[in-house]
Amino acid sequence: MENRDLIVESNILLALLKTTIEQSDFLIGEFKQRPKQVFNNWRNLSLMLDKELDNKNIVNEEYLLSLTDFIHNMLNELRKQHKKIKQ
């Protein structure tokens, strides 16, 4: 994979991880026992991967922010659609 492609794909992965971590904030405290342990381990590993890729200068912060904003907007649309269906 060319370096440019690696950066793009890595930033997409990080955007998905970051938005998943931010989304998971809604669930903090909701899981009990083993699911809670797995959840916390997954979250910590995701944060470690983010830091590692950032240290290797693979992260383009501006691009990453635009990707995470896009994903958050999609999630908000999903919530709106869910509320319409529930009514």
Protein backbone atom coordinates (compact mmCIF):
# COMPACT_ATOMS: atom_id res chain seq x y z
CA MET A 1 0.00 0.00 0.00
CA GLU A 2 1.35 3.41 -0.87
CA ASN A 3 2.08 5.76 2.03
CA ARG A 4 -0.69 8.16 0.97
CA ASP A 5 -3.23 5.31 0.91
CA LEU A 6 -1.97 4.09 4.28
CA ILE A 7 -2.56 7.54 5.77
CA VAL A 8 -6.08 7.78 4.31
CA GLU A 9 -7.07 4.29 5.45
CA SER A 10 -5.51 4.81 8.89
CA ASN A 11 -7.36 8.08 9.34
CA ILE A 12 -10.65 6.42 8.36
CA LEU A 13 -9.97 3.68 10.93
CA LEU A 14 -9.13 6.25 13.59
CA ALA A 15 -12.24 8.28 12.80
CA LEU A 16 -14.36 5.17 13.25
CA LEU A 17 -12.58 4.33 16.51
CA LYS A 18 -12.87 7.88 17.84
CA THR A 19 -16.55 8.15 17.04
CA THR A 20 -17.13 4.69 18.50
CA ILE A 21 -15.32 5.72 21.69
CA GLU A 22 -17.32 8.95 21.84
CA GLN A 23 -20.52 7.01 21.14
CA SER A 24 -19.61 4.52 23.85
CA ASP A 25 -19.68 7.35 26.40
CA PHE A 26 -23.46 6.97 26.30
CA LEU A 27 -23.03 3.42 27.62
CA ILE A 28 -20.53 4.04 30.41
CA GLY A 29 -21.90 2.46 33.55
CA GLU A 30 -24.56 0.47 31.69
CA PHE A 31 -22.64 -2.80 31.36
CA LYS A 32 -22.02 -5.07 34.33
CA GLN A 33 -19.29 -7.60 35.16
CA ARG A 34 -17.65 -9.34 32.14
CA PRO A 35 -19.25 -7.16 29.44
CA LYS A 36 -18.00 -4.12 31.40
CA GLN A 37 -14.44 -5.55 31.49
CA VAL A 38 -14.47 -6.27 27.75
CA PHE A 39 -15.92 -2.83 27.05
CA ASN A 40 -13.27 -1.07 29.15
CA ASN A 41 -10.44 -3.15 27.63
CA TRP A 42 -11.65 -2.41 24.10
CA ARG A 43 -11.89 1.30 24.85
CA ASN A 44 -8.39 1.43 26.35
CA LEU A 45 -6.87 -0.50 23.43
CA SER A 46 -8.57 1.84 20.96
CA LEU A 47 -7.10 4.85 22.74
CA MET A 48 -3.67 3.19 22.67
CA LEU A 49 -3.93 2.60 18.91
CA ASP A 50 -4.93 6.22 18.39
CA LYS A 51 -1.87 7.37 20.35
CA GLU A 52 0.48 4.98 18.49
CA LEU A 53 -0.67 6.14 15.06
CA ASP A 54 -0.48 9.75 16.18
CA ASN A 55 3.12 9.18 17.33
CA LYS A 56 3.99 7.74 13.91
CA ASN A 57 2.65 10.90 12.21
CA ILE A 58 0.01 8.93 10.34
CA VAL A 59 -2.77 11.12 11.70
CA ASN A 60 -3.92 14.17 9.79
CA GLU A 61 -5.84 15.99 12.53
CA GLU A 62 -7.85 18.23 10.20
CA TYR A 63 -8.92 15.31 8.00
CA LEU A 64 -9.62 13.16 11.05
CA LEU A 65 -11.84 15.87 12.53
CA SER A 66 -13.81 16.18 9.29
CA LEU A 67 -14.30 12.40 9.18
CA THR A 68 -15.45 12.18 12.79
CA ASP A 69 -17.83 15.11 12.27
CA PHE A 70 -19.29 13.35 9.24
CA ILE A 71 -19.80 10.12 11.19
CA HIS A 72 -21.37 11.98 14.13
CA ASN A 73 -23.78 13.68 11.73
CA MET A 74 -24.76 10.30 10.33
CA LEU A 75 -25.36 8.98 13.85
CA ASN A 76 -27.54 11.98 14.66
CA GLU A 77 -29.59 11.27 11.53
CA LEU A 78 -29.99 7.65 12.67
CA ARG A 79 -31.30 8.87 16.03
CA LYS A 80 -33.76 11.20 14.31
CA GLN A 81 -34.99 8.37 12.11
CA HIS A 82 -35.36 6.09 15.12
CA LYS A 83 -37.46 8.72 16.95
CA LYS A 84 -39.73 9.08 13.91
CA ILE A 85 -40.23 5.31 13.72
CA LYS A 86 -41.00 5.07 17.47
CA GLN A 87 -43.75 7.70 17.20
